[in-house]
Amino acid sequence: MSRGIAKFQKYTGAPASCYDLSHLAGVYREPPSRQIPYCQESTTGNKKWSAKSGTQMNNFALWLKMYPGRVWARKLSGFDRSKSFYKADALFWLRHRGRKYESGIPGAIELGLCGLRLHRHVRRFFPNYVPKFTDELHCTELQAKRLHCHGLIRSSTWENKLPPWVWFSEIDKHLLCKISKLYRIK
């Protein structure tokens, strides 16, 4: 599936430096007293080793070992990770865990439109246009919703219109916090 996403992104105009980024996951940590990091993602690709599909969380070290490709990271900073941050993060997770991954015709349409990014052009002619959302979540949509939950991304950013390549550097202009350069961890 990753190769298909990369090809689709390449042919829909993603820059050569990042069109092959095909998945997005986030690191989840509970308050600093419990330092075990988890990988939070929406995917169909973990069934073999985690017996899960859709929105899920797994031990980060195990996920990293089992992930079948290269892994890059960017660190968010410049905001307070207070008790209220961790509480909001936990509530966000409880609302979204176990949701299905995009599927069927509505899911395929949403993913296709996300990759094509046609909403940018439609908005010029129809300023009040708001794209439709499905109940299922694709990988980038989950992480964008999480950023919205914390007020770390512009409210005008549509969560379901951010294909993976956007998270290489274009996402920077949507964020309301600092973000590091991309660095490879696997």
N, C-alpha and C. Protein backbone atom coordinates (compact mmCIF):
# COMPACT_ATOMS: atom_id res chain seq x y z
N MET A 1 0.82 -1.19 0.00
CA MET A 1 0.00 0.00 0.00
C MET A 1 0.87 1.27 0.00
N SER A 2 2.00 1.21 0.71
CA SER A 2 2.90 2.37 0.77
C SER A 2 3.39 2.78 -0.62
N ARG A 3 3.76 1.79 -1.43
CA ARG A 3 4.25 2.12 -2.77
C ARG A 3 3.16 2.79 -3.60
N GLY A 4 1.93 2.34 -3.45
CA GLY A 4 0.81 2.95 -4.16
C GLY A 4 0.58 4.39 -3.72
N ILE A 5 0.67 4.64 -2.43
CA ILE A 5 0.50 5.99 -1.89
C ILE A 5 1.61 6.89 -2.43
N ALA A 6 2.84 6.38 -2.41
CA ALA A 6 3.98 7.17 -2.89
C ALA A 6 3.81 7.53 -4.38
N LYS A 7 3.40 6.55 -5.19
CA LYS A 7 3.20 6.82 -6.62
C LYS A 7 2.08 7.84 -6.83
N PHE A 8 0.99 7.67 -6.08
CA PHE A 8 -0.14 8.60 -6.20
C PHE A 8 0.30 10.01 -5.84
N GLN A 9 1.05 10.13 -4.75
CA GLN A 9 1.53 11.46 -4.33
C GLN A 9 2.48 12.05 -5.36
N LYS A 10 3.33 11.22 -5.94
CA LYS A 10 4.27 11.70 -6.96
C LYS A 10 3.51 12.26 -8.16
N TYR A 11 2.50 11.52 -8.62
CA TYR A 11 1.76 11.93 -9.81
C TYR A 11 0.74 13.04 -9.55
N THR A 12 0.47 13.33 -8.29
CA THR A 12 -0.44 14.43 -7.98
C THR A 12 0.31 15.69 -7.54
N GLY A 13 1.64 15.70 -7.73
CA GLY A 13 2.39 16.93 -7.55
C GLY A 13 3.17 17.11 -6.27
N ALA A 14 3.32 16.07 -5.48
CA ALA A 14 4.14 16.19 -4.27
C ALA A 14 5.60 16.40 -4.66
N PRO A 15 6.32 17.22 -3.92
CA PRO A 15 7.74 17.44 -4.24
C PRO A 15 8.54 16.13 -4.17
N ALA A 16 9.54 16.01 -5.01
CA ALA A 16 10.37 14.80 -5.07
C ALA A 16 11.02 14.48 -3.72
N SER A 17 11.30 15.50 -2.92
CA SER A 17 11.96 15.28 -1.63
C SER A 17 11.09 14.54 -0.62
N CYS A 18 9.77 14.47 -0.88
CA CYS A 18 8.92 13.88 0.16
C CYS A 18 7.74 13.06 -0.34
N TYR A 19 7.60 12.82 -1.64
CA TYR A 19 6.43 12.10 -2.11
C TYR A 19 6.38 10.66 -1.60
N ASP A 20 7.54 10.09 -1.23
CA ASP A 20 7.53 8.70 -0.78
C ASP A 20 7.19 8.54 0.70
N LEU A 21 6.92 9.64 1.41
CA LEU A 21 6.40 9.52 2.79
C LEU A 21 4.96 9.06 2.68
N SER A 22 4.66 7.88 3.22
CA SER A 22 3.35 7.29 2.95
C SER A 22 2.50 7.01 4.19
N HIS A 23 3.00 7.29 5.36
CA HIS A 23 2.24 7.00 6.58
C HIS A 23 2.62 8.00 7.65
N LEU A 24 1.69 8.27 8.56
CA LEU A 24 1.94 9.18 9.67
C LEU A 24 1.44 8.56 10.95
N ALA A 25 2.26 8.60 11.97
CA ALA A 25 1.88 8.12 13.29
C ALA A 25 2.37 9.15 14.31
N GLY A 26 1.86 9.07 15.50
CA GLY A 26 2.27 9.99 16.54
C GLY A 26 2.79 9.24 17.76
N VAL A 27 3.61 9.90 18.53
CA VAL A 27 4.09 9.31 19.78
C VAL A 27 3.17 9.78 20.89
N TYR A 28 2.74 8.85 21.70
CA TYR A 28 1.86 9.14 22.82
C TYR A 28 2.59 8.77 24.10
N ARG A 29 2.60 9.70 25.03
CA ARG A 29 3.17 9.44 26.35
C ARG A 29 2.16 9.86 27.39
N GLU A 30 2.12 9.09 28.45
CA GLU A 30 1.32 9.51 29.59
C GLU A 30 2.15 10.50 30.38
N PRO A 31 1.61 11.08 31.45
CA PRO A 31 2.39 12.06 32.21
C PRO A 31 3.81 11.58 32.50
N PRO A 32 4.75 12.51 32.65
CA PRO A 32 6.17 12.17 32.80
C PRO A 32 6.49 11.08 33.83
N SER A 33 5.62 10.86 34.78
CA SER A 33 5.89 9.81 35.77
C SER A 33 5.84 8.42 35.14
N ARG A 34 5.23 8.29 33.97
CA ARG A 34 5.16 7.01 33.26
C ARG A 34 5.76 7.23 31.88
N GLN A 35 7.00 6.87 31.70
CA GLN A 35 7.77 7.26 30.52
C GLN A 35 7.71 6.31 29.33
N ILE A 36 6.86 5.30 29.34
CA ILE A 36 6.83 4.36 28.22
C ILE A 36 6.14 5.04 27.04
N PRO A 37 6.84 5.22 25.93
CA PRO A 37 6.20 5.84 24.75
C PRO A 37 5.41 4.80 23.96
N TYR A 38 4.31 5.26 23.37
CA TYR A 38 3.47 4.43 22.53
C TYR A 38 3.37 5.07 21.14
N CYS A 39 3.10 4.26 20.16
CA CYS A 39 2.84 4.74 18.81
C CYS A 39 1.33 4.77 18.63
N GLN A 40 0.81 5.94 18.29
CA GLN A 40 -0.63 6.10 18.06
C GLN A 40 -0.84 6.31 16.56
N GLU A 41 -1.67 5.48 15.95
CA GLU A 41 -1.84 5.56 14.51
C GLU A 41 -3.17 4.98 14.07
N SER A 42 -3.51 5.25 12.83
CA SER A 42 -4.65 4.61 12.18
C SER A 42 -4.10 3.90 10.96
N THR A 43 -4.26 2.59 10.92
CA THR A 43 -3.65 1.79 9.86
C THR A 43 -4.35 0.45 9.73
N THR A 44 -4.12 -0.20 8.62
CA THR A 44 -4.58 -1.58 8.45
C THR A 44 -3.38 -2.52 8.49
N GLY A 45 -2.17 -1.97 8.61
CA GLY A 45 -0.95 -2.75 8.42
C GLY A 45 -0.39 -3.51 9.60
N ASN A 46 -1.02 -3.52 10.75
CA ASN A 46 -0.42 -4.18 11.92
C ASN A 46 -1.09 -5.48 12.30
N LYS A 47 -1.99 -5.98 11.48
CA LYS A 47 -2.76 -7.17 11.84
C LYS A 47 -1.89 -8.37 12.17
N LYS A 48 -0.77 -8.54 11.45
CA LYS A 48 0.06 -9.73 11.64
C LYS A 48 0.70 -9.78 13.03
N TRP A 49 1.17 -8.65 13.53
CA TRP A 49 1.91 -8.69 14.80
C TRP A 49 1.13 -8.11 15.98
N SER A 50 0.12 -7.28 15.74
CA SER A 50 -0.61 -6.72 16.89
C SER A 50 -2.07 -7.17 16.93
N ALA A 51 -2.52 -7.83 15.89
CA ALA A 51 -3.90 -8.28 15.76
C ALA A 51 -4.88 -7.11 15.81
N LYS A 52 -4.43 -5.92 15.40
CA LYS A 52 -5.28 -4.73 15.41
C LYS A 52 -5.34 -4.12 14.01
N SER A 53 -6.45 -3.44 13.75
CA SER A 53 -6.62 -2.67 12.54
C SER A 53 -7.39 -1.41 12.91
N GLY A 54 -7.12 -0.33 12.21
CA GLY A 54 -7.81 0.93 12.52
C GLY A 54 -7.00 1.78 13.48
N THR A 55 -7.69 2.58 14.28
CA THR A 55 -7.03 3.49 15.22
C THR A 55 -6.56 2.68 16.42
N GLN A 56 -5.26 2.72 16.67
CA GLN A 56 -4.66 1.86 17.68
C GLN A 56 -3.43 2.48 18.32
N MET A 57 -3.03 1.88 19.42
CA MET A 57 -1.81 2.32 20.10
C MET A 57 -1.02 1.07 20.48
N ASN A 58 0.29 1.13 20.22
CA ASN A 58 1.18 0.01 20.52
C ASN A 58 2.46 0.53 21.14
N ASN A 59 3.14 -0.33 21.87
CA ASN A 59 4.43 0.03 22.45
C ASN A 59 5.33 0.53 21.32
N PHE A 60 5.92 1.72 21.49
CA PHE A 60 6.69 2.34 20.42
C PHE A 60 7.90 1.50 20.01
N ALA A 61 8.62 0.96 20.97
CA ALA A 61 9.81 0.16 20.64
C ALA A 61 9.43 -1.06 19.80
N LEU A 62 8.33 -1.72 20.15
CA LEU A 62 7.87 -2.88 19.38
C LEU A 62 7.39 -2.44 18.00
N TRP A 63 6.63 -1.35 17.95
CA TRP A 63 6.15 -0.84 16.67
C TRP A 63 7.32 -0.52 15.75
N LEU A 64 8.33 0.16 16.28
CA LEU A 64 9.51 0.54 15.49
C LEU A 64 10.21 -0.70 14.94
N LYS A 65 10.33 -1.71 15.76
CA LYS A 65 10.96 -2.97 15.33
C LYS A 65 10.15 -3.64 14.21
N MET A 66 8.82 -3.60 14.33
CA MET A 66 7.96 -4.30 13.38
C MET A 66 7.64 -3.49 12.12
N TYR A 67 7.84 -2.17 12.16
CA TYR A 67 7.48 -1.35 11.00
C TYR A 67 8.37 -1.72 9.82
N PRO A 68 7.77 -2.04 8.66
CA PRO A 68 8.55 -2.58 7.54
C PRO A 68 9.19 -1.54 6.62
N GLY A 69 9.48 -0.38 7.11
CA GLY A 69 10.08 0.64 6.25
C GLY A 69 10.92 1.61 7.05
N ARG A 70 11.33 2.67 6.39
CA ARG A 70 12.10 3.72 7.06
C ARG A 70 11.17 4.55 7.92
N VAL A 71 11.71 5.06 9.02
CA VAL A 71 10.91 5.88 9.94
C VAL A 71 11.64 7.19 10.19
N TRP A 72 10.90 8.28 10.02
CA TRP A 72 11.41 9.62 10.23
C TRP A 72 10.61 10.26 11.36
N ALA A 73 11.21 11.21 12.06
CA ALA A 73 10.51 11.86 13.17
C ALA A 73 10.71 13.37 13.13
N ARG A 74 9.75 14.07 13.71
CA ARG A 74 9.83 15.51 13.92
C ARG A 74 9.28 15.75 15.32
N LYS A 75 9.94 16.58 16.08
CA LYS A 75 9.53 16.83 17.46
C LYS A 75 8.82 18.18 17.57
N LEU A 76 7.66 18.16 18.23
CA LEU A 76 6.92 19.39 18.50
C LEU A 76 7.40 19.98 19.83
N SER A 77 7.49 21.30 19.88
CA SER A 77 7.90 21.96 21.13
C SER A 77 7.31 23.37 21.17
N GLY A 78 7.59 24.06 22.25
CA GLY A 78 7.11 25.44 22.37
C GLY A 78 5.70 25.54 22.93
N PHE A 79 5.24 24.51 23.62
CA PHE A 79 3.94 24.55 24.27
C PHE A 79 4.04 23.78 25.59
N ASP A 80 3.11 24.04 26.47
CA ASP A 80 3.15 23.47 27.82
C ASP A 80 2.48 22.10 27.86
N ARG A 81 3.20 21.11 28.33
CA ARG A 81 2.63 19.78 28.52
C ARG A 81 2.24 19.64 30.00
N SER A 82 1.20 20.35 30.35
CA SER A 82 0.71 20.38 31.73
C SER A 82 -0.23 19.20 31.99
N LYS A 83 -0.77 19.14 33.21
CA LYS A 83 -1.74 18.09 33.53
C LYS A 83 -2.94 18.17 32.60
N SER A 84 -3.36 19.39 32.28
CA SER A 84 -4.53 19.53 31.40
C SER A 84 -4.21 19.03 29.98
N PHE A 85 -2.96 19.17 29.52
CA PHE A 85 -2.55 18.64 28.23
C PHE A 85 -2.70 17.11 28.23
N TYR A 86 -2.15 16.46 29.26
CA TYR A 86 -2.21 15.00 29.33
C TYR A 86 -3.65 14.50 29.48
N LYS A 87 -4.46 15.25 30.22
CA LYS A 87 -5.87 14.87 30.37
C LYS A 87 -6.59 14.97 29.02
N ALA A 88 -6.37 16.08 28.30
CA ALA A 88 -7.00 16.25 26.97
C ALA A 88 -6.51 15.16 26.01
N ASP A 89 -5.23 14.81 26.08
CA ASP A 89 -4.68 13.77 25.21
C ASP A 89 -5.34 12.42 25.51
N ALA A 90 -5.49 12.11 26.79
CA ALA A 90 -6.13 10.85 27.18
C ALA A 90 -7.59 10.81 26.74
N LEU A 91 -8.31 11.91 26.90
CA LEU A 91 -9.71 11.96 26.48
C LEU A 91 -9.83 11.85 24.96
N PHE A 92 -8.89 12.50 24.25
CA PHE A 92 -8.86 12.39 22.79
C PHE A 92 -8.72 10.92 22.40
N TRP A 93 -7.78 10.23 23.05
CA TRP A 93 -7.55 8.83 22.72
C TRP A 93 -8.79 7.99 23.01
N LEU A 94 -9.44 8.22 24.14
CA LEU A 94 -10.63 7.44 24.48
C LEU A 94 -11.75 7.65 23.45
N ARG A 95 -11.85 8.85 22.87
CA ARG A 95 -12.86 9.14 21.86
C ARG A 95 -12.56 8.46 20.52
N HIS A 96 -11.30 8.26 20.21
CA HIS A 96 -10.94 7.80 18.86
C HIS A 96 -10.40 6.37 18.78
N ARG A 97 -10.02 5.77 19.87
CA ARG A 97 -9.43 4.43 19.80
C ARG A 97 -10.42 3.43 19.22
N GLY A 98 -9.87 2.53 18.45
CA GLY A 98 -10.68 1.46 17.87
C GLY A 98 -11.52 1.86 16.67
N ARG A 99 -11.46 3.12 16.24
CA ARG A 99 -12.22 3.50 15.05
C ARG A 99 -11.63 2.82 13.83
N LYS A 100 -12.47 2.52 12.88
CA LYS A 100 -12.02 1.84 11.67
C LYS A 100 -11.19 2.76 10.80
N TYR A 101 -10.34 2.14 9.99
CA TYR A 101 -9.57 2.86 8.98
C TYR A 101 -10.49 3.14 7.80
N GLU A 102 -10.21 4.19 7.03
CA GLU A 102 -11.00 4.54 5.86
C GLU A 102 -11.23 3.31 4.99
N SER A 103 -12.47 3.10 4.58
CA SER A 103 -12.75 1.94 3.73
C SER A 103 -13.98 2.21 2.88
N GLY A 104 -14.22 1.32 1.95
CA GLY A 104 -15.38 1.43 1.09
C GLY A 104 -15.28 2.60 0.12
N ILE A 105 -16.35 2.85 -0.58
CA ILE A 105 -16.37 3.92 -1.58
C ILE A 105 -16.20 5.29 -0.92
N PRO A 106 -16.93 5.62 0.17
CA PRO A 106 -16.73 6.93 0.79
C PRO A 106 -15.29 7.15 1.27
N GLY A 107 -14.69 6.11 1.85
CA GLY A 107 -13.31 6.21 2.30
C GLY A 107 -12.34 6.41 1.15
N ALA A 108 -12.56 5.68 0.06
CA ALA A 108 -11.69 5.81 -1.12
C ALA A 108 -11.81 7.21 -1.72
N ILE A 109 -13.03 7.73 -1.75
CA ILE A 109 -13.22 9.09 -2.28
C ILE A 109 -12.51 10.10 -1.39
N GLU A 110 -12.68 9.96 -0.06
CA GLU A 110 -12.03 10.92 0.84
C GLU A 110 -10.51 10.86 0.72
N LEU A 111 -9.95 9.65 0.68
CA LEU A 111 -8.50 9.52 0.52
C LEU A 111 -8.03 10.06 -0.82
N GLY A 112 -8.78 9.77 -1.88
CA GLY A 112 -8.42 10.29 -3.21
C GLY A 112 -8.43 11.80 -3.25
N LEU A 113 -9.48 12.40 -2.70
CA LEU A 113 -9.57 13.87 -2.68
C LEU A 113 -8.50 14.48 -1.78
N CYS A 114 -8.16 13.78 -0.71
CA CYS A 114 -7.07 14.24 0.17
C CYS A 114 -5.78 14.32 -0.64
N GLY A 115 -5.47 13.26 -1.38
CA GLY A 115 -4.25 13.23 -2.18
C GLY A 115 -4.24 14.23 -3.32
N LEU A 116 -5.38 14.42 -3.95
CA LEU A 116 -5.46 15.37 -5.06
C LEU A 116 -5.43 16.82 -4.59
N ARG A 117 -5.87 17.06 -3.37
CA ARG A 117 -5.89 18.39 -2.74
C ARG A 117 -6.72 19.39 -3.55
N LEU A 118 -7.80 18.90 -4.15
CA LEU A 118 -8.66 19.76 -4.96
C LEU A 118 -9.39 20.82 -4.12
N HIS A 119 -9.53 20.57 -2.82
CA HIS A 119 -10.25 21.52 -1.96
C HIS A 119 -9.64 22.92 -2.02
N ARG A 120 -8.33 23.00 -2.28
CA ARG A 120 -7.66 24.31 -2.37
C ARG A 120 -8.21 25.13 -3.53
N HIS A 121 -8.55 24.47 -4.63
CA HIS A 121 -9.06 25.16 -5.81
C HIS A 121 -10.56 25.43 -5.70
N VAL A 122 -11.29 24.48 -5.14
CA VAL A 122 -12.73 24.64 -4.95
C VAL A 122 -12.99 25.86 -4.06
N ARG A 123 -12.15 26.04 -3.05
CA ARG A 123 -12.32 27.13 -2.09
C ARG A 123 -12.25 28.51 -2.77
N ARG A 124 -11.50 28.62 -3.85
CA ARG A 124 -11.41 29.90 -4.56
C ARG A 124 -12.76 30.30 -5.16
N PHE A 125 -13.50 29.32 -5.64
CA PHE A 125 -14.78 29.59 -6.29
C PHE A 125 -15.97 29.52 -5.33
N PHE A 126 -15.80 28.72 -4.27
CA PHE A 126 -16.86 28.55 -3.27
C PHE A 126 -16.26 28.76 -1.88
N PRO A 127 -16.15 30.01 -1.43
CA PRO A 127 -15.47 30.32 -0.17
C PRO A 127 -16.05 29.62 1.06
N ASN A 128 -17.32 29.24 1.02
CA ASN A 128 -17.95 28.60 2.18
C ASN A 128 -17.88 27.07 2.12
N TYR A 129 -17.15 26.55 1.16
CA TYR A 129 -17.04 25.10 0.99
C TYR A 129 -16.37 24.46 2.22
N VAL A 130 -16.99 23.40 2.70
CA VAL A 130 -16.42 22.60 3.78
C VAL A 130 -16.44 21.15 3.31
N PRO A 131 -15.28 20.49 3.24
CA PRO A 131 -15.26 19.12 2.74
C PRO A 131 -15.98 18.16 3.68
N LYS A 132 -16.53 17.12 3.11
CA LYS A 132 -17.21 16.10 3.90
C LYS A 132 -16.18 15.22 4.61
N PHE A 133 -16.57 14.73 5.76
CA PHE A 133 -15.73 13.82 6.54
C PHE A 133 -16.45 12.48 6.67
N THR A 134 -15.69 11.39 6.63
CA THR A 134 -16.28 10.08 6.95
C THR A 134 -16.02 9.83 8.44
N ASP A 135 -16.70 8.84 9.00
CA ASP A 135 -16.50 8.52 10.41
C ASP A 135 -15.16 7.83 10.65
N GLU A 136 -14.65 7.14 9.63
CA GLU A 136 -13.37 6.46 9.76
C GLU A 136 -12.24 7.48 9.64
N LEU A 137 -11.06 7.08 10.13
CA LEU A 137 -9.91 7.99 10.11
C LEU A 137 -8.77 7.41 9.30
N HIS A 138 -8.15 8.23 8.45
CA HIS A 138 -6.89 7.80 7.85
C HIS A 138 -5.75 8.35 8.72
N CYS A 139 -4.54 7.93 8.46
CA CYS A 139 -3.42 8.16 9.37
C CYS A 139 -3.16 9.64 9.65
N THR A 140 -3.14 10.47 8.63
CA THR A 140 -2.84 11.88 8.85
C THR A 140 -4.00 12.60 9.52
N GLU A 141 -5.20 12.15 9.25
CA GLU A 141 -6.39 12.77 9.85
C GLU A 141 -6.39 12.60 11.37
N LEU A 142 -6.01 11.41 11.84
CA LEU A 142 -5.94 11.18 13.29
C LEU A 142 -4.98 12.16 13.95
N GLN A 143 -3.79 12.31 13.37
CA GLN A 143 -2.80 13.19 14.00
C GLN A 143 -3.20 14.67 13.91
N ALA A 144 -3.83 15.07 12.81
CA ALA A 144 -4.29 16.45 12.69
C ALA A 144 -5.40 16.73 13.71
N LYS A 145 -6.29 15.78 13.91
CA LYS A 145 -7.34 15.93 14.93
C LYS A 145 -6.72 16.05 16.32
N ARG A 146 -5.68 15.30 16.56
CA ARG A 146 -5.00 15.37 17.86
C ARG A 146 -4.37 16.76 18.06
N LEU A 147 -3.76 17.30 17.02
CA LEU A 147 -3.19 18.65 17.11
C LEU A 147 -4.29 19.69 17.33
N HIS A 148 -5.43 19.52 16.66
CA HIS A 148 -6.56 20.43 16.87
C HIS A 148 -7.04 20.36 18.32
N CYS A 149 -7.08 19.17 18.87
CA CYS A 149 -7.51 18.98 20.26
C CYS A 149 -6.68 19.84 21.22
N HIS A 150 -5.41 20.02 20.91
CA HIS A 150 -4.51 20.78 21.78
C HIS A 150 -4.31 22.22 21.32
N GLY A 151 -4.99 22.63 20.27
CA GLY A 151 -4.83 24.00 19.78
C GLY A 151 -3.46 24.25 19.18
N LEU A 152 -2.85 23.21 18.60
CA LEU A 152 -1.51 23.33 18.05
C LEU A 152 -1.48 23.46 16.53
N ILE A 153 -2.66 23.50 15.92
CA ILE A 153 -2.75 23.65 14.47
C ILE A 153 -3.86 24.67 14.18
N ARG A 154 -3.72 25.39 13.12
CA ARG A 154 -4.70 26.43 12.79
C ARG A 154 -6.10 25.83 12.66
N SER A 155 -7.08 26.51 13.18
CA SER A 155 -8.45 26.01 13.14
C SER A 155 -8.98 25.90 11.71
N SER A 156 -8.39 26.64 10.78
CA SER A 156 -8.82 26.60 9.38
C SER A 156 -8.25 25.40 8.62
N THR A 157 -7.39 24.61 9.25
CA THR A 157 -6.79 23.44 8.60
C THR A 157 -7.75 22.27 8.68
N TRP A 158 -8.11 21.70 7.54
CA TRP A 158 -9.01 20.55 7.51
C TRP A 158 -8.22 19.28 7.73
N GLU A 159 -8.59 18.56 8.77
CA GLU A 159 -7.84 17.36 9.16
C GLU A 159 -7.78 16.31 8.08
N ASN A 160 -8.83 16.18 7.29
CA ASN A 160 -8.86 15.09 6.30
C ASN A 160 -8.29 15.49 4.95
N LYS A 161 -7.58 16.61 4.89
CA LYS A 161 -7.01 17.08 3.61
C LYS A 161 -5.50 17.26 3.69
N LEU A 162 -4.83 16.42 4.47
CA LEU A 162 -3.38 16.53 4.65
C LEU A 162 -2.72 15.19 4.31
N PRO A 163 -2.38 14.97 3.04
CA PRO A 163 -1.72 13.70 2.70
C PRO A 163 -0.36 13.60 3.40
N PRO A 164 0.19 12.39 3.51
CA PRO A 164 1.43 12.21 4.25
C PRO A 164 2.58 13.13 3.84
N TRP A 165 2.76 13.39 2.55
CA TRP A 165 3.91 14.21 2.13
C TRP A 165 3.86 15.62 2.72
N VAL A 166 2.68 16.14 3.01
CA VAL A 166 2.53 17.49 3.56
C VAL A 166 3.25 17.62 4.91
N TRP A 167 3.34 16.51 5.63
CA TRP A 167 3.93 16.53 6.97
C TRP A 167 5.45 16.63 6.93
N PHE A 168 6.05 16.57 5.74
CA PHE A 168 7.50 16.73 5.61
C PHE A 168 7.91 18.14 6.00
N SER A 169 7.29 19.15 5.42
CA SER A 169 7.62 20.54 5.79
C SER A 169 6.46 21.51 5.59
N GLU A 170 5.55 21.19 4.67
CA GLU A 170 4.44 22.11 4.42
C GLU A 170 3.56 22.30 5.65
N ILE A 171 3.50 21.28 6.50
CA ILE A 171 2.67 21.36 7.70
C ILE A 171 3.12 22.49 8.63
N ASP A 172 4.38 22.89 8.53
CA ASP A 172 4.93 23.93 9.40
C ASP A 172 4.09 25.20 9.38
N LYS A 173 3.58 25.58 8.21
CA LYS A 173 2.81 26.83 8.13
C LYS A 173 1.40 26.69 8.71
N HIS A 174 1.00 25.46 9.04
CA HIS A 174 -0.31 25.23 9.68
C HIS A 174 -0.18 25.15 11.21
N LEU A 175 1.03 24.89 11.69
CA LEU A 175 1.22 24.66 13.12
C LEU A 175 1.33 25.95 13.92
N LEU A 176 0.90 25.87 15.17
CA LEU A 176 0.98 26.99 16.10
C LEU A 176 2.00 26.70 17.21
N CYS A 177 2.94 25.83 16.90
CA CYS A 177 4.02 25.48 17.82
C CYS A 177 5.28 25.27 16.99
N LYS A 178 6.40 25.10 17.66
CA LYS A 178 7.66 24.84 16.96
C LYS A 178 7.71 23.36 16.57
N ILE A 179 8.44 23.09 15.49
CA ILE A 179 8.62 21.71 15.05
C ILE A 179 10.05 21.57 14.52
N SER A 180 10.67 20.46 14.88
CA SER A 180 12.05 20.23 14.47
C SER A 180 12.13 19.85 13.00
N LYS A 181 13.35 19.80 12.51
CA LYS A 181 13.60 19.25 11.17
C LYS A 181 13.31 17.75 11.22
N LEU A 182 13.12 17.17 10.08
CA LEU A 182 12.90 15.74 9.96
C LEU A 182 14.22 15.01 10.21
N TYR A 183 14.20 13.97 11.04
CA TYR A 183 15.39 13.16 11.22
C TYR A 183 15.01 11.68 11.22
N ARG A 184 15.91 10.88 10.70
CA ARG A 184 15.61 9.46 10.54
C ARG A 184 15.94 8.71 11.83
N ILE A 185 14.99 7.85 12.26
CA ILE A 185 15.22 7.02 13.46
C ILE A 185 15.27 5.53 13.13
N LYS A 186 14.94 5.16 11.90
CA LYS A 186 15.08 3.75 11.46
C LYS A 186 15.33 3.73 9.96
